[in-house]
Amino acid sequence: MKTKKSLFDWIKALLIALLIALFLKAFVIETYTIPTTSMEKTLQVGDFIIVSKLNYGPRLPMTLLSLPFFGNSFYLKWLQLPFYRLPGFTSIKRNDVIAFNYPMNITVPIDKRTPFVKRCVALPGDTIEIINSFLFVNKKSQSEPENAEYNYAIKTNGIPLDEKKLSQWGISEGGPVDNLNNYILNLTRKIADSIRLMKNVKEIKQWMEKPKDAFENYFPYSEEFPWNNDNYGPLLVPKAGQIIKIDKVNIAIYSRIISVYEENKLEIKNDSIFINNKYARTYKFKMNYYFMMGDNRQNSADSRAWGFVPEDHIIGKAVIIGFSSNSALGFFKGFRWNRFLKGIN
């Protein structure tokens, strides 16, 4: 009898622990491991980050038939709930580092799409523009994240750069080009200034795409908007309730919002636009949208590449690095003590 009661108590404790864990995962926090360099040096590969769902308000689960704690792999689409977010204690601010579902994964439910982590650089109603890699919002120059990185071309006098010094600075992308006289390195502006002072460095300058170069790789992939990583916009970020004029030119920017995110029937016939079988010259947005960029500004697939992030894709605010490890060195040897419980700014 005592054995049965003890077993029952164990099962009861496990169920309570499971319910608490499910509640925390659904409404309080989410955790992710950073897999790419797109947010360096703010976030590094191997950072285990904690995302708060309370800041902006928890998004209620949308896909009810799914197994928790198994990523986004095990679910059924049969039962989908509409988007609803509980009240939070703050709204999204410019420069918040945010976790969201990748909006281009349209073959899977919204809350099961691949999670991305980027910096929000523009809010609903903002107009964003990038000129020679410098960011402007509503025609005002924006301060850069402290650890934002850019690509730099470096020429030396024939003496190679100090590899030990580069390693100390945590330079992980780039290297010699053609020969040891020339390098392309991914650097913060502060580190670039330090390299500029080295006696063996003849020249260092930021590498960037010229206006109109490679526009076919960047949203909205149109000759009418020949934008790229370093020269982009101006672009209006849609706001819920905002009404804009639409035409055969700017429909390239807003067609995905109208037809995919806001689920309207969109047709273009003889340069005329029809929404839900009605001729349209204006459109009123149903949701708020955000523009995201990686801090590794020239090596990040972000809103410049695939456009706006709808509000129903927002997961939460990245608030703290729980721990970090360089997997190439092994967990314990590669443990980064200077990133343990470090806040994310």
Protein backbone atom coordinates (compact mmCIF):
# COMPACT_ATOMS: atom_id res chain seq x y z
CA MET A 1 0.00 0.00 0.00
CA LYS A 2 2.81 2.33 0.90
CA THR A 3 4.56 1.53 -2.40
CA LYS A 4 1.42 2.39 -4.41
CA LYS A 5 1.01 5.68 -2.54
CA SER A 6 4.67 6.53 -3.14
CA LEU A 7 4.31 5.78 -6.88
CA PHE A 8 1.14 7.89 -7.03
CA ASP A 9 2.95 10.78 -5.36
CA TRP A 10 5.79 10.54 -7.87
CA ILE A 11 3.39 10.54 -10.83
CA LYS A 12 1.46 13.44 -9.32
CA ALA A 13 4.68 15.45 -8.82
CA LEU A 14 5.79 14.75 -12.41
CA LEU A 15 2.42 15.84 -13.81
CA ILE A 16 2.47 19.05 -11.80
CA ALA A 17 6.03 19.75 -12.96
CA LEU A 18 5.00 19.08 -16.57
CA LEU A 19 2.00 21.42 -16.32
CA ILE A 20 4.18 24.16 -14.84
CA ALA A 21 6.74 23.69 -17.62
CA LEU A 22 3.98 23.83 -20.27
CA PHE A 23 2.57 27.00 -18.74
CA LEU A 24 5.99 28.67 -18.64
CA LYS A 25 6.73 27.69 -22.24
CA ALA A 26 3.36 28.86 -23.55
CA PHE A 27 2.99 32.11 -21.63
CA VAL A 28 6.22 33.20 -19.95
CA ILE A 29 9.54 32.31 -21.62
CA GLU A 30 11.03 30.54 -24.59
CA THR A 31 14.65 29.50 -25.09
CA TYR A 32 16.77 29.29 -28.24
CA THR A 33 20.35 28.58 -29.22
CA ILE A 34 21.82 31.02 -31.76
CA PRO A 35 22.87 29.05 -34.89
CA THR A 36 24.26 31.78 -37.18
CA THR A 37 26.41 34.92 -37.12
CA SER A 38 23.69 37.31 -38.30
CA MET A 39 23.49 39.11 -34.92
CA GLU A 40 27.22 39.25 -34.11
CA LYS A 41 28.71 40.63 -32.00
CA THR A 42 25.56 41.24 -29.94
CA LEU A 43 24.69 37.55 -30.14
CA GLN A 44 27.19 34.85 -31.05
CA VAL A 45 26.86 31.33 -32.37
CA GLY A 46 26.37 29.09 -29.35
CA ASP A 47 24.57 31.67 -27.19
CA PHE A 48 21.66 30.10 -25.30
CA ILE A 49 19.16 32.93 -24.97
CA ILE A 50 16.01 33.48 -22.95
CA VAL A 51 13.06 35.18 -24.64
CA SER A 52 10.39 36.85 -22.51
CA LYS A 53 6.80 36.50 -23.71
CA LEU A 54 5.52 38.76 -20.95
CA ASN A 55 7.04 41.99 -22.27
CA TYR A 56 4.77 42.30 -25.31
CA GLY A 57 2.13 39.92 -24.02
CA PRO A 58 1.99 36.15 -24.60
CA ARG A 59 0.65 35.04 -27.97
CA LEU A 60 -1.91 32.32 -27.31
CA PRO A 61 -1.06 28.96 -28.91
CA MET A 62 -2.45 28.78 -32.45
CA THR A 63 -1.68 25.13 -33.29
CA LEU A 64 -3.36 23.12 -30.55
CA LEU A 65 -2.46 19.63 -31.77
CA SER A 66 1.28 19.63 -31.21
CA LEU A 67 3.86 18.01 -28.95
CA PRO A 68 5.69 20.50 -26.71
CA PHE A 69 9.44 20.35 -26.09
CA PHE A 70 10.07 18.85 -29.56
CA GLY A 71 10.69 22.09 -31.42
CA ASN A 72 8.29 22.70 -34.30
CA SER A 73 8.45 19.19 -35.74
CA PHE A 74 5.44 17.33 -34.34
CA TYR A 75 2.03 18.89 -34.94
CA LEU A 76 -1.22 18.56 -36.87
CA LYS A 77 -2.87 21.42 -38.75
CA TRP A 78 -6.41 20.24 -38.11
CA LEU A 79 -7.18 22.61 -35.24
CA GLN A 80 -5.97 26.20 -35.65
CA LEU A 81 -6.97 29.12 -33.45
CA PRO A 82 -6.94 32.74 -34.67
CA PHE A 83 -4.19 35.07 -33.50
CA TYR A 84 -4.70 36.63 -30.09
CA ARG A 85 -2.17 38.26 -27.79
CA LEU A 86 -2.71 38.81 -24.08
CA PRO A 87 -1.78 42.23 -22.68
CA GLY A 88 1.91 42.83 -21.98
CA PHE A 89 3.63 45.41 -19.83
CA THR A 90 5.32 47.21 -22.72
CA SER A 91 5.14 47.62 -26.48
CA ILE A 92 7.82 46.88 -29.04
CA LYS A 93 10.42 49.63 -29.18
CA ARG A 94 12.98 50.47 -31.83
CA ASN A 95 16.22 48.56 -31.22
CA ASP A 96 14.56 45.79 -29.22
CA VAL A 97 16.07 42.39 -30.00
CA ILE A 98 13.09 40.22 -30.90
CA ALA A 99 12.31 36.56 -31.53
CA PHE A 100 9.72 35.95 -34.24
CA ASN A 101 8.56 33.27 -36.64
CA TYR A 102 10.11 33.49 -40.11
CA PRO A 103 7.25 34.87 -42.24
CA MET A 104 8.27 33.19 -45.49
CA ASN A 105 7.54 29.67 -44.13
CA ILE A 106 3.95 29.73 -45.40
CA THR A 107 3.62 25.93 -45.70
CA VAL A 108 3.46 25.53 -41.91
CA PRO A 109 1.28 27.20 -39.24
CA ILE A 110 2.46 30.61 -38.03
CA ASP A 111 3.49 29.49 -34.54
CA LYS A 112 5.40 26.50 -35.99
CA ARG A 113 7.50 28.51 -38.42
CA THR A 114 11.25 28.72 -37.92
CA PRO A 115 12.18 31.12 -35.08
CA PHE A 116 14.47 34.02 -36.01
CA VAL A 117 16.15 36.58 -33.75
CA LYS A 118 16.85 40.07 -35.11
CA ARG A 119 16.79 43.71 -34.04
CA CYS A 120 13.64 45.73 -34.68
CA VAL A 121 14.79 48.91 -36.44
CA ALA A 122 11.45 50.33 -37.59
CA LEU A 123 7.95 50.32 -36.12
CA PRO A 124 4.49 50.45 -37.73
CA GLY A 125 4.07 53.79 -39.51
CA ASP A 126 7.83 54.46 -39.74
CA THR A 127 9.65 55.17 -42.98
CA ILE A 128 13.01 53.46 -43.20
CA GLU A 129 15.96 54.26 -45.45
CA ILE A 130 19.57 53.05 -45.62
CA ILE A 131 22.15 55.27 -47.29
CA ASN A 132 25.68 53.89 -47.71
CA SER A 133 25.04 51.47 -44.81
CA PHE A 134 23.78 54.19 -42.43
CA LEU A 135 20.25 53.73 -41.13
CA PHE A 136 17.62 56.49 -41.16
CA VAL A 137 14.12 56.26 -39.70
CA ASN A 138 11.67 59.03 -40.48
CA LYS A 139 14.62 60.93 -42.03
CA LYS A 140 16.55 60.86 -38.73
CA SER A 141 19.93 59.14 -38.45
CA GLN A 142 19.83 56.18 -36.06
CA SER A 143 22.57 55.25 -33.62
CA GLU A 144 24.13 51.88 -34.33
CA PRO A 145 24.17 48.95 -31.93
CA GLU A 146 27.45 49.02 -30.01
CA ASN A 147 28.57 45.73 -31.54
CA ALA A 148 27.25 46.14 -35.09
CA GLU A 149 29.58 44.62 -37.68
CA TYR A 150 30.45 45.51 -41.27
CA ASN A 151 32.70 44.12 -43.99
CA TYR A 152 36.08 45.83 -44.34
CA ALA A 153 38.69 45.52 -47.09
CA ILE A 154 42.23 45.70 -45.70
CA LYS A 155 45.54 46.13 -47.53
CA THR A 156 48.84 45.50 -45.74
CA ASN A 157 52.45 46.22 -46.65
CA GLY A 158 53.08 42.50 -47.08
CA ILE A 159 53.33 41.66 -43.39
CA PRO A 160 50.29 39.54 -42.41
CA LEU A 161 47.83 40.69 -39.75
CA ASP A 162 48.47 39.40 -36.26
CA GLU A 163 46.32 36.24 -36.09
CA LYS A 164 46.56 36.11 -32.31
CA LYS A 165 45.21 39.65 -32.06
CA LEU A 166 42.38 38.88 -34.48
CA SER A 167 41.47 35.85 -32.36
CA GLN A 168 41.45 37.95 -29.19
CA TRP A 169 39.01 40.33 -30.85
CA GLY A 170 36.75 37.39 -31.72
CA ILE A 171 36.92 37.93 -35.46
CA SER A 172 35.25 34.84 -36.89
CA GLU A 173 34.29 35.80 -40.44
CA GLY A 174 36.51 36.65 -43.39
CA GLY A 175 40.21 36.20 -44.00
CA PRO A 176 42.98 36.68 -46.58
CA VAL A 177 41.97 37.38 -50.17
CA ASP A 178 44.24 36.32 -53.06
CA ASN A 179 47.33 36.67 -50.88
CA LEU A 180 48.31 37.74 -47.38
CA ASN A 181 48.48 41.38 -48.47
CA ASN A 182 44.70 41.71 -48.75
CA TYR A 183 41.91 40.78 -46.34
CA ILE A 184 38.14 40.98 -46.13
CA LEU A 185 37.12 40.90 -42.46
CA ASN A 186 33.87 41.37 -40.62
CA LEU A 187 34.51 44.02 -37.95
CA THR A 188 32.89 46.43 -35.56
CA ARG A 189 33.77 50.05 -36.27
CA LYS A 190 35.80 50.14 -33.03
CA ILE A 191 37.95 47.17 -34.03
CA ALA A 192 38.33 48.61 -37.55
CA ASP A 193 39.75 51.78 -36.00
CA SER A 194 42.24 49.70 -34.00
CA ILE A 195 43.36 47.83 -37.12
CA ARG A 196 43.74 51.13 -38.94
CA LEU A 197 46.47 52.07 -36.43
CA MET A 198 48.58 48.96 -37.10
CA LYS A 199 51.91 49.78 -38.73
CA ASN A 200 51.58 47.10 -41.39
CA VAL A 201 48.14 48.29 -42.54
CA LYS A 202 48.26 50.53 -45.60
CA GLU A 203 44.52 50.93 -46.12
CA ILE A 204 41.25 49.84 -44.55
CA LYS A 205 37.84 50.81 -45.86
CA GLN A 206 34.32 49.53 -45.50
CA TRP A 207 33.13 47.38 -48.37
CA MET A 208 29.57 48.02 -49.49
CA GLU A 209 27.19 47.43 -52.36
CA LYS A 210 26.74 50.36 -54.69
CA PRO A 211 23.24 51.79 -55.28
CA LYS A 212 21.17 49.56 -57.60
CA ASP A 213 23.62 46.62 -57.34
CA ALA A 214 22.10 43.15 -56.78
CA PHE A 215 18.56 44.50 -56.29
CA GLU A 216 17.10 41.20 -57.50
CA ASN A 217 18.20 39.62 -54.18
CA TYR A 218 16.39 42.15 -52.00
CA PHE A 219 12.76 42.82 -51.19
CA PRO A 220 10.67 43.64 -53.17
CA TYR A 221 12.85 42.18 -55.97
CA SER A 222 11.76 44.81 -58.50
CA GLU A 223 13.55 47.06 -60.97
CA GLU A 224 11.24 49.83 -59.75
CA PHE A 225 12.87 49.51 -56.31
CA PRO A 226 16.59 48.75 -56.97
CA TRP A 227 17.57 48.38 -53.32
CA ASN A 228 20.26 46.35 -51.58
CA ASN A 229 21.93 45.79 -48.19
CA ASP A 230 23.65 49.18 -48.06
CA ASN A 231 21.25 51.38 -50.00
CA TYR A 232 17.62 50.64 -49.27
CA GLY A 233 14.33 52.51 -49.32
CA PRO A 234 12.68 54.80 -48.48
CA LEU A 235 10.07 52.27 -47.42
CA LEU A 236 6.90 52.76 -45.39
CA VAL A 237 6.32 50.12 -42.70
CA PRO A 238 2.55 49.45 -42.54
CA LYS A 239 0.45 50.26 -39.49
CA ALA A 240 -2.92 48.74 -38.57
CA GLY A 241 -5.73 50.99 -39.81
CA GLN A 242 -3.43 52.93 -42.13
CA ILE A 243 -4.78 53.52 -45.64
CA ILE A 244 -2.39 53.78 -48.58
CA LYS A 245 -2.80 54.26 -52.31
CA ILE A 246 -1.86 51.20 -54.33
CA ASP A 247 -0.88 51.04 -57.97
CA LYS A 248 0.87 48.78 -60.46
CA VAL A 249 4.27 49.94 -59.13
CA ASN A 250 4.03 49.82 -55.33
CA ILE A 251 1.89 46.67 -55.32
CA ALA A 252 5.23 44.82 -55.50
CA ILE A 253 5.87 46.01 -51.92
CA TYR A 254 2.47 45.28 -50.42
CA SER A 255 1.13 42.31 -52.42
CA ARG A 256 2.36 39.72 -49.91
CA ILE A 257 0.72 41.56 -47.03
CA ILE A 258 -2.58 41.81 -48.87
CA SER A 259 -2.75 38.26 -50.21
CA VAL A 260 -0.79 36.14 -47.70
CA TYR A 261 -0.63 37.79 -44.27
CA GLU A 262 -4.09 39.38 -44.43
CA GLU A 263 -5.66 36.63 -46.57
CA ASN A 264 -7.32 38.59 -49.34
CA LYS A 265 -7.79 37.53 -52.93
CA LEU A 266 -5.46 39.75 -54.97
CA GLU A 267 -5.52 39.96 -58.77
CA ILE A 268 -3.82 42.29 -61.23
CA LYS A 269 -5.57 42.62 -64.60
CA ASN A 270 -4.33 45.00 -67.29
CA ASP A 271 -2.46 47.08 -64.68
CA SER A 272 -5.62 47.32 -62.56
CA ILE A 273 -5.74 45.88 -59.03
CA PHE A 274 -8.63 43.82 -57.69
CA ILE A 275 -8.98 42.82 -54.04
CA ASN A 276 -11.66 40.25 -53.27
CA ASN A 277 -13.02 40.76 -56.80
CA LYS A 278 -13.39 44.53 -56.33
CA TYR A 279 -11.38 47.18 -58.14
CA ALA A 280 -9.06 48.85 -55.61
CA ARG A 281 -6.98 52.00 -55.59
CA THR A 282 -6.41 52.03 -51.82
CA TYR A 283 -5.81 49.45 -49.12
CA LYS A 284 -6.38 49.56 -45.34
CA PHE A 285 -3.98 47.41 -43.32
CA LYS A 286 -5.42 45.04 -40.73
CA MET A 287 -2.21 44.40 -38.76
CA ASN A 288 0.93 46.14 -37.58
CA TYR A 289 4.23 45.28 -39.25
CA TYR A 290 7.88 45.59 -38.25
CA PHE A 291 11.23 45.88 -40.03
CA MET A 292 14.02 43.68 -38.66
CA MET A 293 17.78 43.75 -39.26
CA GLY A 294 20.71 41.73 -37.98
CA ASP A 295 23.54 43.52 -36.15
CA ASN A 296 25.93 41.81 -38.56
CA ARG A 297 24.64 44.37 -41.01
CA GLN A 298 26.19 43.08 -44.23
CA ASN A 299 25.88 39.38 -43.46
CA SER A 300 22.30 39.00 -42.34
CA ALA A 301 19.23 37.66 -44.14
CA ASP A 302 16.57 39.96 -42.71
CA SER A 303 13.74 42.31 -43.71
CA ARG A 304 15.92 43.73 -46.46
CA ALA A 305 15.83 40.27 -48.06
CA TRP A 306 12.26 39.14 -47.34
CA GLY A 307 10.22 42.13 -46.15
CA PHE A 308 8.01 42.91 -43.20
CA VAL A 309 7.31 40.87 -40.06
CA PRO A 310 3.57 40.78 -39.16
CA GLU A 311 2.57 41.29 -35.54
CA ASP A 312 1.08 37.79 -35.31
CA HIS A 313 4.58 36.37 -35.94
CA ILE A 314 6.15 38.06 -32.89
CA ILE A 315 7.18 35.61 -30.15
CA GLY A 316 8.82 37.86 -27.55
CA LYS A 317 11.75 39.99 -26.49
CA ALA A 318 15.23 38.47 -26.18
CA VAL A 319 16.31 39.56 -22.70
CA ILE A 320 19.29 37.55 -21.47
CA ILE A 321 22.03 35.14 -22.55
CA GLY A 322 21.73 32.20 -20.16
CA PHE A 323 25.10 30.80 -21.15
CA SER A 324 27.33 30.54 -24.20
CA SER A 325 29.78 28.01 -25.56
CA ASN A 326 31.99 27.63 -28.61
CA SER A 327 31.05 24.16 -29.86
CA ALA A 328 34.27 23.88 -31.88
CA LEU A 329 36.18 23.72 -28.59
CA GLY A 330 33.68 21.52 -26.76
CA PHE A 331 31.10 22.71 -24.24
CA PHE A 332 33.30 23.08 -21.16
CA LYS A 333 36.52 24.23 -22.82
CA GLY A 334 34.56 26.61 -25.06
CA PHE A 335 32.38 27.99 -22.26
CA ARG A 336 32.29 31.79 -22.51
CA TRP A 337 32.18 32.98 -18.91
CA ASN A 338 32.00 36.63 -19.99
CA ARG A 339 28.59 35.93 -21.57
CA PHE A 340 27.07 34.00 -18.64
CA LEU A 341 23.75 35.64 -17.66
CA LYS A 342 24.56 38.66 -19.81
CA GLY A 343 21.72 41.04 -20.68
CA ILE A 344 20.83 41.60 -24.35
CA ASN A 345 20.82 45.20 -25.54
